[in-house]
Amino acid sequence: MSQPPAKTKAAPVADDPAVLYAEIKALVGTAAASEPLQCKKTGLGHKPCGGPASYLIYSTQGLDEALLLQKVSRYNQLVQAEQERLGLVSDCAIVPEPGVALVGGFCVASGQGDTF
């Protein structure tokens, strides 16, 4: 007689915002860079009135930028869909977009703005 297959835990679903957020954080890591042109930013999250909730500062050094931006885009879509489903509202304030700079070998936000 054969035994039924053992039950295994399901792998995290890529359409889970919490999982995507963790994957994004892992991809960005410390945002180490060797030159200023490697430092970039992208909107992260979604405000119910529109626009990003914050900005993600990252380095392209050793990073699959296309993969990162794909995950950020999916994360933003999922957050927006959940906000719409729940009927959430916000203060509708525009989140200031920071500049980016290379400081001590790491990409950081410069100026004003909300960052990840």
PDB file of N, CA and C in Angstrom:
ATOM      1  N   MET A   1       0.824  -1.184   0.000  1.00  0.00           N
ATOM      2  CA  MET A   1       0.000   0.000   0.000  1.00  0.00           C
ATOM      3  C   MET A   1       0.863   1.241   0.000  1.00  0.00           C
ATOM      4  N   SER A   2       0.512   2.176  -0.822  1.00  0.00           N
ATOM      5  CA  SER A   2       1.281   3.419  -0.856  1.00  0.00           C
ATOM      6  C   SER A   2       0.681   4.416   0.127  1.00  0.00           C
ATOM      7  N   GLN A   3       1.537   5.244   0.635  1.00  0.00           N
ATOM      8  CA  GLN A   3       1.105   6.255   1.583  1.00  0.00           C
ATOM      9  C   GLN A   3       0.819   7.563   0.851  1.00  0.00           C
ATOM     10  N   PRO A   4      -0.138   8.336   1.359  1.00  0.00           N
ATOM     11  CA  PRO A   4      -0.399   9.626   0.723  1.00  0.00           C
ATOM     12  C   PRO A   4       0.822  10.524   0.865  1.00  0.00           C
ATOM     13  N   PRO A   5       1.006  11.440  -0.090  1.00  0.00           N
ATOM     14  CA  PRO A   5       2.167  12.330   0.003  1.00  0.00           C
ATOM     15  C   PRO A   5       2.089  13.181   1.265  1.00  0.00           C
ATOM     16  N   ALA A   6       3.252  13.456   1.822  1.00  0.00           N
ATOM     17  CA  ALA A   6       3.319  14.284   3.031  1.00  0.00           C
ATOM     18  C   ALA A   6       2.877  15.698   2.695  1.00  0.00           C
ATOM     19  N   LYS A   7       2.171  16.302   3.646  1.00  0.00           N
ATOM     20  CA  LYS A   7       1.743  17.683   3.440  1.00  0.00           C
ATOM     21  C   LYS A   7       2.933  18.614   3.655  1.00  0.00           C
ATOM     22  N   THR A   8       3.062  19.563   2.776  1.00  0.00           N
ATOM     23  CA  THR A   8       4.125  20.551   2.906  1.00  0.00           C
ATOM     24  C   THR A   8       3.506  21.932   3.002  1.00  0.00           C
ATOM     25  N   LYS A   9       4.245  22.820   3.621  1.00  0.00           N
ATOM     26  CA  LYS A   9       3.789  24.199   3.705  1.00  0.00           C
ATOM     27  C   LYS A   9       3.860  24.829   2.327  1.00  0.00           C
ATOM     28  N   ALA A  10       2.853  25.607   1.995  1.00  0.00           N
ATOM     29  CA  ALA A  10       2.852  26.302   0.712  1.00  0.00           C
ATOM     30  C   ALA A  10       3.889  27.415   0.744  1.00  0.00           C
ATOM     31  N   ALA A  11       4.541  27.619  -0.377  1.00  0.00           N
ATOM     32  CA  ALA A  11       5.506  28.711  -0.500  1.00  0.00           C
ATOM     33  C   ALA A  11       4.759  30.032  -0.461  1.00  0.00           C
ATOM     34  N   PRO A  12       5.391  31.094   0.062  1.00  0.00           N
ATOM     35  CA  PRO A  12       4.724  32.400   0.077  1.00  0.00           C
ATOM     36  C   PRO A  12       4.307  32.813  -1.328  1.00  0.00           C
ATOM     37  N   VAL A  13       3.142  33.361  -1.407  1.00  0.00           N
ATOM     38  CA  VAL A  13       2.606  33.791  -2.695  1.00  0.00           C
ATOM     39  C   VAL A  13       3.200  35.141  -3.050  1.00  0.00           C
ATOM     40  N   ALA A  14       3.655  35.300  -4.290  1.00  0.00           N
ATOM     41  CA  ALA A  14       4.267  36.553  -4.729  1.00  0.00           C
ATOM     42  C   ALA A  14       3.267  37.694  -4.769  1.00  0.00           C
ATOM     43  N   ASP A  15       1.979  37.386  -4.679  1.00  0.00           N
ATOM     44  CA  ASP A  15       0.973  38.435  -4.684  1.00  0.00           C
ATOM     45  C   ASP A  15       0.573  38.850  -3.272  1.00  0.00           C
ATOM     46  N   ASP A  16       1.399  38.560  -2.301  1.00  0.00           N
ATOM     47  CA  ASP A  16       1.191  38.984  -0.922  1.00  0.00           C
ATOM     48  C   ASP A  16       2.057  40.229  -0.707  1.00  0.00           C
ATOM     49  N   PRO A  17       1.447  41.380  -0.404  1.00  0.00           N
ATOM     50  CA  PRO A  17       2.241  42.598  -0.239  1.00  0.00           C
ATOM     51  C   PRO A  17       3.357  42.471   0.801  1.00  0.00           C
ATOM     52  N   ALA A  18       3.110  41.765   1.887  1.00  0.00           N
ATOM     53  CA  ALA A  18       4.134  41.616   2.920  1.00  0.00           C
ATOM     54  C   ALA A  18       5.338  40.842   2.390  1.00  0.00           C
ATOM     55  N   VAL A  19       5.079  39.817   1.596  1.00  0.00           N
ATOM     56  CA  VAL A  19       6.158  39.022   1.008  1.00  0.00           C
ATOM     57  C   VAL A  19       6.927  39.863  -0.004  1.00  0.00           C
ATOM     58  N   LEU A  20       6.204  40.590  -0.839  1.00  0.00           N
ATOM     59  CA  LEU A  20       6.865  41.444  -1.830  1.00  0.00           C
ATOM     60  C   LEU A  20       7.712  42.518  -1.148  1.00  0.00           C
ATOM     61  N   TYR A  21       7.197  43.104  -0.090  1.00  0.00           N
ATOM     62  CA  TYR A  21       7.941  44.132   0.639  1.00  0.00           C
ATOM     63  C   TYR A  21       9.258  43.548   1.173  1.00  0.00           C
ATOM     64  N   ALA A  22       9.186  42.355   1.742  1.00  0.00           N
ATOM     65  CA  ALA A  22      10.394  41.698   2.250  1.00  0.00           C
ATOM     66  C   ALA A  22      11.372  41.404   1.117  1.00  0.00           C
ATOM     67  N   GLU A  23      10.860  40.975  -0.029  1.00  0.00           N
ATOM     68  CA  GLU A  23      11.717  40.700  -1.181  1.00  0.00           C
ATOM     69  C   GLU A  23      12.371  41.980  -1.688  1.00  0.00           C
ATOM     70  N   ILE A  24      11.609  43.071  -1.707  1.00  0.00           N
ATOM     71  CA  ILE A  24      12.141  44.366  -2.138  1.00  0.00           C
ATOM     72  C   ILE A  24      13.261  44.802  -1.195  1.00  0.00           C
ATOM     73  N   LYS A  25      13.021  44.712   0.121  1.00  0.00           N
ATOM     74  CA  LYS A  25      14.042  45.078   1.098  1.00  0.00           C
ATOM     75  C   LYS A  25      15.304  44.245   0.915  1.00  0.00           C
ATOM     76  N   ALA A  26      15.127  42.950   0.661  1.00  0.00           N
ATOM     77  CA  ALA A  26      16.273  42.064   0.491  1.00  0.00           C
ATOM     78  C   ALA A  26      17.054  42.422  -0.776  1.00  0.00           C
ATOM     79  N   LEU A  27      16.337  42.746  -1.861  1.00  0.00           N
ATOM     80  CA  LEU A  27      17.016  43.122  -3.106  1.00  0.00           C
ATOM     81  C   LEU A  27      17.822  44.404  -2.940  1.00  0.00           C
ATOM     82  N   VAL A  28      17.254  45.388  -2.270  1.00  0.00           N
ATOM     83  CA  VAL A  28      17.917  46.673  -2.094  1.00  0.00           C
ATOM     84  C   VAL A  28      19.110  46.542  -1.154  1.00  0.00           C
ATOM     85  N   GLY A  29      18.959  45.749  -0.118  1.00  0.00           N
ATOM     86  CA  GLY A  29      20.049  45.560   0.832  1.00  0.00           C
ATOM     87  C   GLY A  29      20.511  46.881   1.420  1.00  0.00           C
ATOM     88  N   THR A  30      21.808  47.115   1.405  1.00  0.00           N
ATOM     89  CA  THR A  30      22.367  48.338   1.981  1.00  0.00           C
ATOM     90  C   THR A  30      22.468  49.472   0.983  1.00  0.00           C
ATOM     91  N   ALA A  31      22.136  49.213  -0.287  1.00  0.00           N
ATOM     92  CA  ALA A  31      22.228  50.210  -1.360  1.00  0.00           C
ATOM     93  C   ALA A  31      23.661  50.719  -1.524  1.00  0.00           C
ATOM     94  N   ALA A  32      24.617  49.800  -1.438  1.00  0.00           N
ATOM     95  CA  ALA A  32      26.023  50.160  -1.619  1.00  0.00           C
ATOM     96  C   ALA A  32      26.276  50.529  -3.078  1.00  0.00           C
ATOM     97  N   ALA A  33      27.107  51.531  -3.280  1.00  0.00           N
ATOM     98  CA  ALA A  33      27.426  51.987  -4.634  1.00  0.00           C
ATOM     99  C   ALA A  33      28.853  52.519  -4.674  1.00  0.00           C
ATOM    100  N   SER A  34      29.431  52.526  -5.873  1.00  0.00           N
ATOM    101  CA  SER A  34      30.784  53.060  -6.024  1.00  0.00           C
ATOM    102  C   SER A  34      30.795  54.370  -6.810  1.00  0.00           C
ATOM    103  N   GLU A  35      29.654  54.725  -7.408  1.00  0.00           N
ATOM    104  CA  GLU A  35      29.572  56.003  -8.118  1.00  0.00           C
ATOM    105  C   GLU A  35      28.146  56.556  -8.046  1.00  0.00           C
ATOM    106  N   PRO A  36      27.997  57.874  -8.054  1.00  0.00           N
ATOM    107  CA  PRO A  36      26.683  58.504  -7.881  1.00  0.00           C
ATOM    108  C   PRO A  36      25.624  58.067  -8.899  1.00  0.00           C
ATOM    109  N   LEU A  37      26.020  57.763 -10.123  1.00  0.00           N
ATOM    110  CA  LEU A  37      25.040  57.373 -11.137  1.00  0.00           C
ATOM    111  C   LEU A  37      24.347  56.053 -10.817  1.00  0.00           C
ATOM    112  N   GLN A  38      24.893  55.288  -9.890  1.00  0.00           N
ATOM    113  CA  GLN A  38      24.267  54.032  -9.487  1.00  0.00           C
ATOM    114  C   GLN A  38      23.118  54.254  -8.505  1.00  0.00           C
ATOM    115  N   CYS A  39      22.995  55.439  -7.969  1.00  0.00           N
ATOM    116  CA  CYS A  39      21.962  55.748  -6.978  1.00  0.00           C
ATOM    117  C   CYS A  39      20.688  56.220  -7.665  1.00  0.00           C
ATOM    118  N   LYS A  40      19.580  55.555  -7.348  1.00  0.00           N
ATOM    119  CA  LYS A  40      18.300  55.872  -7.970  1.00  0.00           C
ATOM    120  C   LYS A  40      17.189  55.829  -6.927  1.00  0.00           C
ATOM    121  N   LYS A  41      16.003  56.234  -7.357  1.00  0.00           N
ATOM    122  CA  LYS A  41      14.823  56.209  -6.489  1.00  0.00           C
ATOM    123  C   LYS A  41      13.611  55.828  -7.321  1.00  0.00           C
ATOM    124  N   THR A  42      12.601  55.302  -6.622  1.00  0.00           N
ATOM    125  CA  THR A  42      11.322  54.990  -7.249  1.00  0.00           C
ATOM    126  C   THR A  42      10.236  55.102  -6.195  1.00  0.00           C
ATOM    127  N   GLY A  43       9.026  55.407  -6.628  1.00  0.00           N
ATOM    128  CA  GLY A  43       7.903  55.503  -5.702  1.00  0.00           C
ATOM    129  C   GLY A  43       7.580  54.141  -5.123  1.00  0.00           C
ATOM    130  N   LEU A  44       7.271  54.103  -3.826  1.00  0.00           N
ATOM    131  CA  LEU A  44       6.946  52.852  -3.142  1.00  0.00           C
ATOM    132  C   LEU A  44       5.646  53.018  -2.377  1.00  0.00           C
ATOM    133  N   GLY A  45       4.745  52.082  -2.565  1.00  0.00           N
ATOM    134  CA  GLY A  45       3.453  52.150  -1.906  1.00  0.00           C
ATOM    135  C   GLY A  45       2.499  53.048  -2.679  1.00  0.00           C
ATOM    136  N   HIS A  46       1.378  53.332  -2.068  1.00  0.00           N
ATOM    137  CA  HIS A  46       0.348  54.128  -2.733  1.00  0.00           C
ATOM    138  C   HIS A  46      -0.462  54.864  -1.689  1.00  0.00           C
ATOM    139  N   LYS A  47      -0.718  56.130  -1.945  1.00  0.00           N
ATOM    140  CA  LYS A  47      -1.607  56.905  -1.076  1.00  0.00           C
ATOM    141  C   LYS A  47      -3.004  56.834  -1.681  1.00  0.00           C
ATOM    142  N   PRO A  48      -4.035  56.701  -0.873  1.00  0.00           N
ATOM    143  CA  PRO A  48      -5.395  56.592  -1.403  1.00  0.00           C
ATOM    144  C   PRO A  48      -5.799  57.744  -2.339  1.00  0.00           C
ATOM    145  N   CYS A  49      -5.231  58.926  -2.134  1.00  0.00           N
ATOM    146  CA  CYS A  49      -5.549  60.047  -3.033  1.00  0.00           C
ATOM    147  C   CYS A  49      -4.699  60.013  -4.299  1.00  0.00           C
ATOM    148  N   GLY A  50      -3.748  59.097  -4.366  1.00  0.00           N
ATOM    149  CA  GLY A  50      -2.873  58.980  -5.526  1.00  0.00           C
ATOM    150  C   GLY A  50      -1.437  59.302  -5.177  1.00  0.00           C
ATOM    151  N   GLY A  51      -0.542  58.782  -5.957  1.00  0.00           N
ATOM    152  CA  GLY A  51       0.882  59.011  -5.746  1.00  0.00           C
ATOM    153  C   GLY A  51       1.483  58.023  -4.775  1.00  0.00           C
ATOM    154  N   PRO A  52       2.819  58.017  -4.695  1.00  0.00           N
ATOM    155  CA  PRO A  52       3.505  57.075  -3.812  1.00  0.00           C
ATOM    156  C   PRO A  52       3.381  57.464  -2.345  1.00  0.00           C
ATOM    157  N   ALA A  53       3.436  56.463  -1.478  1.00  0.00           N
ATOM    158  CA  ALA A  53       3.418  56.698  -0.035  1.00  0.00           C
ATOM    159  C   ALA A  53       4.794  57.134   0.455  1.00  0.00           C
ATOM    160  N   SER A  54       5.845  56.681  -0.242  1.00  0.00           N
ATOM    161  CA  SER A  54       7.220  57.044   0.097  1.00  0.00           C
ATOM    162  C   SER A  54       8.083  56.771  -1.133  1.00  0.00           C
ATOM    163  N   TYR A  55       9.364  56.954  -0.980  1.00  0.00           N
ATOM    164  CA  TYR A  55      10.295  56.687  -2.071  1.00  0.00           C
ATOM    165  C   TYR A  55      11.340  55.680  -1.621  1.00  0.00           C
ATOM    166  N   LEU A  56      11.689  54.797  -2.523  1.00  0.00           N
ATOM    167  CA  LEU A  56      12.693  53.769  -2.284  1.00  0.00           C
ATOM    168  C   LEU A  56      13.996  54.232  -2.911  1.00  0.00           C
ATOM    169  N   ILE A  57      15.032  54.327  -2.113  1.00  0.00           N
ATOM    170  CA  ILE A  57      16.365  54.672  -2.591  1.00  0.00           C
ATOM    171  C   ILE A  57      17.128  53.361  -2.764  1.00  0.00           C
ATOM    172  N   TYR A  58      17.744  53.181  -3.928  1.00  0.00           N
ATOM    173  CA  TYR A  58      18.460  51.936  -4.175  1.00  0.00           C
ATOM    174  C   TYR A  58      19.684  52.182  -5.046  1.00  0.00           C
ATOM    175  N   SER A  59      20.538  51.187  -5.107  1.00  0.00           N
ATOM    176  CA  SER A  59      21.734  51.230  -5.938  1.00  0.00           C
ATOM    177  C   SER A  59      21.615  50.177  -7.031  1.00  0.00           C
ATOM    178  N   THR A  60      22.031  50.527  -8.225  1.00  0.00           N
ATOM    179  CA  THR A  60      22.010  49.567  -9.333  1.00  0.00           C
ATOM    180  C   THR A  60      23.242  48.656  -9.319  1.00  0.00           C
ATOM    181  N   GLN A  61      24.207  48.949  -8.449  1.00  0.00           N
ATOM    182  CA  GLN A  61      25.422  48.132  -8.376  1.00  0.00           C
ATOM    183  C   GLN A  61      25.079  46.719  -7.925  1.00  0.00           C
ATOM    184  N   GLY A  62      25.297  45.748  -8.781  1.00  0.00           N
ATOM    185  CA  GLY A  62      25.040  44.350  -8.442  1.00  0.00           C
ATOM    186  C   GLY A  62      23.573  44.017  -8.272  1.00  0.00           C
ATOM    187  N   LEU A  63      22.685  44.820  -8.822  1.00  0.00           N
ATOM    188  CA  LEU A  63      21.250  44.643  -8.644  1.00  0.00           C
ATOM    189  C   LEU A  63      20.575  44.378  -9.979  1.00  0.00           C
ATOM    190  N   ASP A  64      19.621  43.473  -9.987  1.00  0.00           N
ATOM    191  CA  ASP A  64      18.768  43.269 -11.156  1.00  0.00           C
ATOM    192  C   ASP A  64      17.668  44.328 -11.060  1.00  0.00           C
ATOM    193  N   GLU A  65      17.942  45.496 -11.646  1.00  0.00           N
ATOM    194  CA  GLU A  65      17.023  46.633 -11.515  1.00  0.00           C
ATOM    195  C   GLU A  65      15.655  46.330 -12.107  1.00  0.00           C
ATOM    196  N   ALA A  66      15.614  45.624 -13.216  1.00  0.00           N
ATOM    197  CA  ALA A  66      14.330  45.287 -13.833  1.00  0.00           C
ATOM    198  C   ALA A  66      13.482  44.438 -12.886  1.00  0.00           C
ATOM    199  N   LEU A  67      14.093  43.485 -12.213  1.00  0.00           N
ATOM    200  CA  LEU A  67      13.379  42.645 -11.253  1.00  0.00           C
ATOM    201  C   LEU A  67      12.876  43.484 -10.084  1.00  0.00           C
ATOM    202  N   LEU A  68      13.730  44.358  -9.559  1.00  0.00           N
ATOM    203  CA  LEU A  68      13.317  45.222  -8.454  1.00  0.00           C
ATOM    204  C   LEU A  68      12.113  46.068  -8.857  1.00  0.00           C
ATOM    205  N   LEU A  69      12.188  46.725 -10.003  1.00  0.00           N
ATOM    206  CA  LEU A  69      11.099  47.597 -10.440  1.00  0.00           C
ATOM    207  C   LEU A  69       9.822  46.816 -10.715  1.00  0.00           C
ATOM    208  N   GLN A  70       9.958  45.579 -11.176  1.00  0.00           N
ATOM    209  CA  GLN A  70       8.789  44.719 -11.384  1.00  0.00           C
ATOM    210  C   GLN A  70       8.115  44.418 -10.042  1.00  0.00           C
ATOM    211  N   LYS A  71       8.918  44.091  -9.027  1.00  0.00           N
ATOM    212  CA  LYS A  71       8.368  43.800  -7.702  1.00  0.00           C
ATOM    213  C   LYS A  71       7.743  45.051  -7.082  1.00  0.00           C
ATOM    214  N   VAL A  72       8.388  46.199  -7.245  1.00  0.00           N
ATOM    215  CA  VAL A  72       7.845  47.449  -6.715  1.00  0.00           C
ATOM    216  C   VAL A  72       6.518  47.770  -7.388  1.00  0.00           C
ATOM    217  N   SER A  73       6.446  47.606  -8.699  1.00  0.00           N
ATOM    218  CA  SER A  73       5.210  47.876  -9.431  1.00  0.00           C
ATOM    219  C   SER A  73       4.080  46.975  -8.948  1.00  0.00           C
ATOM    220  N   ARG A  74       4.361  45.697  -8.775  1.00  0.00           N
ATOM    221  CA  ARG A  74       3.341  44.756  -8.299  1.00  0.00           C
ATOM    222  C   ARG A  74       2.925  45.090  -6.871  1.00  0.00           C
ATOM    223  N   TYR A  75       3.892  45.414  -6.035  1.00  0.00           N
ATOM    224  CA  TYR A  75       3.599  45.805  -4.653  1.00  0.00           C
ATOM    225  C   TYR A  75       2.667  47.021  -4.643  1.00  0.00           C
ATOM    226  N   ASN A  76       3.006  48.027  -5.444  1.00  0.00           N
ATOM    227  CA  ASN A  76       2.188  49.243  -5.503  1.00  0.00           C
ATOM    228  C   ASN A  76       0.764  48.924  -5.963  1.00  0.00           C
ATOM    229  N   GLN A  77       0.630  48.054  -6.946  1.00  0.00           N
ATOM    230  CA  GLN A  77      -0.702  47.659  -7.445  1.00  0.00           C
ATOM    231  C   GLN A  77      -1.510  46.968  -6.346  1.00  0.00           C
ATOM    232  N   LEU A  78      -0.869  46.070  -5.619  1.00  0.00           N
ATOM    233  CA  LEU A  78      -1.567  45.328  -4.563  1.00  0.00           C
ATOM    234  C   LEU A  78      -1.995  46.250  -3.423  1.00  0.00           C
ATOM    235  N   VAL A  79      -1.116  47.178  -3.043  1.00  0.00           N
ATOM    236  CA  VAL A  79      -1.453  48.125  -1.979  1.00  0.00           C
ATOM    237  C   VAL A  79      -2.626  48.999  -2.415  1.00  0.00           C
ATOM    238  N   GLN A  80      -2.587  49.484  -3.646  1.00  0.00           N
ATOM    239  CA  GLN A  80      -3.676  50.322  -4.152  1.00  0.00           C
ATOM    240  C   GLN A  80      -4.989  49.547  -4.185  1.00  0.00           C
ATOM    241  N   ALA A  81      -4.956  48.324  -4.660  1.00  0.00           N
ATOM    242  CA  ALA A  81      -6.175  47.507  -4.731  1.00  0.00           C
ATOM    243  C   ALA A  81      -6.761  47.270  -3.338  1.00  0.00           C
ATOM    244  N   GLU A  82      -5.897  47.020  -2.353  1.00  0.00           N
ATOM    245  CA  GLU A  82      -6.371  46.798  -0.984  1.00  0.00           C
ATOM    246  C   GLU A  82      -6.972  48.083  -0.408  1.00  0.00           C
ATOM    247  N   GLN A  83      -6.362  49.206  -0.669  1.00  0.00           N
ATOM    248  CA  GLN A  83      -6.901  50.480  -0.192  1.00  0.00           C
ATOM    249  C   GLN A  83      -8.274  50.749  -0.803  1.00  0.00           C
ATOM    250  N   GLU A  84      -8.416  50.466  -2.083  1.00  0.00           N
ATOM    251  CA  GLU A  84      -9.702  50.657  -2.756  1.00  0.00           C
ATOM    252  C   GLU A  84     -10.746  49.704  -2.195  1.00  0.00           C
ATOM    253  N   ARG A  85     -10.351  48.460  -1.965  1.00  0.00           N
ATOM    254  CA  ARG A  85     -11.275  47.460  -1.423  1.00  0.00           C
ATOM    255  C   ARG A  85     -11.789  47.875  -0.055  1.00  0.00           C
ATOM    256  N   LEU A  86     -10.899  48.447   0.752  1.00  0.00           N
ATOM    257  CA  LEU A  86     -11.265  48.851   2.104  1.00  0.00           C
ATOM    258  C   LEU A  86     -11.868  50.258   2.173  1.00  0.00           C
ATOM    259  N   GLY A  87     -11.833  50.976   1.062  1.00  0.00           N
ATOM    260  CA  GLY A  87     -12.370  52.338   1.043  1.00  0.00           C
ATOM    261  C   GLY A  87     -11.549  53.306   1.884  1.00  0.00           C
ATOM    262  N   LEU A  88     -10.246  53.104   1.929  1.00  0.00           N
ATOM    263  CA  LEU A  88      -9.380  53.961   2.740  1.00  0.00           C
ATOM    264  C   LEU A  88      -9.230  55.345   2.127  1.00  0.00           C
ATOM    265  N   VAL A  89      -8.991  56.312   2.989  1.00  0.00           N
ATOM    266  CA  VAL A  89      -8.717  57.682   2.563  1.00  0.00           C
ATOM    267  C   VAL A  89      -7.422  58.127   3.223  1.00  0.00           C
ATOM    268  N   SER A  90      -6.867  59.220   2.733  1.00  0.00           N
ATOM    269  CA  SER A  90      -5.651  59.758   3.347  1.00  0.00           C
ATOM    270  C   SER A  90      -5.758  61.267   3.406  1.00  0.00           C
ATOM    271  N   ASP A  91      -4.691  61.885   3.872  1.00  0.00           N
ATOM    272  CA  ASP A  91      -4.676  63.336   3.992  1.00  0.00           C
ATOM    273  C   ASP A  91      -4.480  64.026   2.634  1.00  0.00           C
ATOM    274  N   CYS A  92      -4.209  63.273   1.600  1.00  0.00           N
ATOM    275  CA  CYS A  92      -4.018  63.764   0.234  1.00  0.00           C
ATOM    276  C   CYS A  92      -2.827  64.701   0.091  1.00  0.00           C
ATOM    277  N   ALA A  93      -1.948  64.733   1.080  1.00  0.00           N
ATOM    278  CA  ALA A  93      -0.735  65.536   0.970  1.00  0.00           C
ATOM    279  C   ALA A  93       0.214  64.862  -0.014  1.00  0.00           C
ATOM    280  N   ILE A  94       0.879  65.663  -0.802  1.00  0.00           N
ATOM    281  CA  ILE A  94       1.855  65.136  -1.752  1.00  0.00           C
ATOM    282  C   ILE A  94       3.134  64.808  -0.996  1.00  0.00           C
ATOM    283  N   VAL A  95       3.633  63.614  -1.199  1.00  0.00           N
ATOM    284  CA  VAL A  95       4.869  63.192  -0.546  1.00  0.00           C
ATOM    285  C   VAL A  95       6.034  63.818  -1.310  1.00  0.00           C
ATOM    286  N   PRO A  96       6.848  64.638  -0.639  1.00  0.00           N
ATOM    287  CA  PRO A  96       7.978  65.267  -1.331  1.00  0.00           C
ATOM    288  C   PRO A  96       8.937  64.213  -1.877  1.00  0.00           C
ATOM    289  N   GLU A  97       9.382  64.412  -3.087  1.00  0.00           N
ATOM    290  CA  GLU A  97      10.316  63.484  -3.717  1.00  0.00           C
ATOM    291  C   GLU A  97      11.743  63.875  -3.341  1.00  0.00           C
ATOM    292  N   PRO A  98      12.467  62.981  -2.686  1.00  0.00           N
ATOM    293  CA  PRO A  98      13.831  63.312  -2.279  1.00  0.00           C
ATOM    294  C   PRO A  98      14.797  63.242  -3.449  1.00  0.00           C
ATOM    295  N   GLY A  99      15.936  63.871  -3.268  1.00  0.00           N
ATOM    296  CA  GLY A  99      17.042  63.661  -4.181  1.00  0.00           C
ATOM    297  C   GLY A  99      17.777  62.413  -3.734  1.00  0.00           C
ATOM    298  N   VAL A 100      18.778  62.011  -4.473  1.00  0.00           N
ATOM    299  CA  VAL A 100      19.603  60.882  -4.059  1.00  0.00           C
ATOM    300  C   VAL A 100      21.064  61.317  -4.093  1.00  0.00           C
ATOM    301  N   ALA A 101      21.843  60.748  -3.204  1.00  0.00           N
ATOM    302  CA  ALA A 101      23.262  61.075  -3.136  1.00  0.00           C
ATOM    303  C   ALA A 101      24.043  59.837  -2.725  1.00  0.00           C
ATOM    304  N   LEU A 102      25.308  59.841  -3.065  1.00  0.00           N
ATOM    305  CA  LEU A 102      26.227  58.786  -2.646  1.00  0.00           C
ATOM    306  C   LEU A 102      27.018  59.330  -1.466  1.00  0.00           C
ATOM    307  N   VAL A 103      26.835  58.712  -0.303  1.00  0.00           N
ATOM    308  CA  VAL A 103      27.515  59.167   0.909  1.00  0.00           C
ATOM    309  C   VAL A 103      28.183  57.962   1.564  1.00  0.00           C
ATOM    310  N   GLY A 104      29.491  58.024   1.658  1.00  0.00           N
ATOM    311  CA  GLY A 104      30.226  56.949   2.326  1.00  0.00           C
ATOM    312  C   GLY A 104      30.044  55.591   1.675  1.00  0.00           C
ATOM    313  N   GLY A 105      29.811  55.567   0.359  1.00  0.00           N
ATOM    314  CA  GLY A 105      29.668  54.309  -0.353  1.00  0.00           C
ATOM    315  C   GLY A 105      28.256  53.745  -0.374  1.00  0.00           C
ATOM    316  N   PHE A 106      27.277  54.543   0.083  1.00  0.00           N
ATOM    317  CA  PHE A 106      25.888  54.088   0.104  1.00  0.00           C
ATOM    318  C   PHE A 106      24.971  55.154  -0.491  1.00  0.00           C
ATOM    319  N   CYS A 107      23.951  54.711  -1.186  1.00  0.00           N
ATOM    320  CA  CYS A 107      22.940  55.621  -1.731  1.00  0.00           C
ATOM    321  C   CYS A 107      22.004  56.028  -0.610  1.00  0.00           C
ATOM    322  N   VAL A 108      21.791  57.325  -0.480  1.00  0.00           N
ATOM    323  CA  VAL A 108      20.909  57.855   0.561  1.00  0.00           C
ATOM    324  C   VAL A 108      20.045  58.953  -0.032  1.00  0.00           C
ATOM    325  N   ALA A 109      18.954  59.252   0.674  1.00  0.00           N
ATOM    326  CA  ALA A 109      18.094  60.355   0.278  1.00  0.00           C
ATOM    327  C   ALA A 109      18.780  61.660   0.632  1.00  0.00           C
ATOM    328  N   SER A 110      18.605  62.641  -0.230  1.00  0.00           N
ATOM    329  CA  SER A 110      19.131  63.968   0.071  1.00  0.00           C
ATOM    330  C   SER A 110      17.993  64.962  -0.023  1.00  0.00           C
ATOM    331  N   GLY A 111      18.032  65.977   0.782  1.00  0.00           N
ATOM    332  CA  GLY A 111      16.952  66.945   0.787  1.00  0.00           C
ATOM    333  C   GLY A 111      15.782  66.420   1.588  1.00  0.00           C
ATOM    334  N   GLN A 112      14.609  66.900   1.270  1.00  0.00           N
ATOM    335  CA  GLN A 112      13.388  66.532   1.989  1.00  0.00           C
ATOM    336  C   GLN A 112      12.718  65.351   1.292  1.00  0.00           C
ATOM    337  N   GLY A 113      11.845  64.672   1.995  1.00  0.00           N
ATOM    338  CA  GLY A 113      11.082  63.594   1.394  1.00  0.00           C
ATOM    339  C   GLY A 113      10.957  62.391   2.306  1.00  0.00           C
ATOM    340  N   ASP A 114       9.964  61.573   2.031  1.00  0.00           N
ATOM    341  CA  ASP A 114       9.755  60.352   2.788  1.00  0.00           C
ATOM    342  C   ASP A 114      10.389  59.199   2.037  1.00  0.00           C
ATOM    343  N   THR A 115      11.225  58.458   2.709  1.00  0.00           N
ATOM    344  CA  THR A 115      11.927  57.360   2.051  1.00  0.00           C
ATOM    345  C   THR A 115      11.778  56.077   2.827  1.00  0.00           C
ATOM    346  N   PHE A 116      12.068  55.000   2.135  1.00  0.00           N
ATOM    347  CA  PHE A 116      12.055  53.644   2.678  1.00  0.00           C
ATOM    348  C   PHE A 116      13.423  53.377   3.245  1.00  0.00           C
TER     349      PHE A 116
END
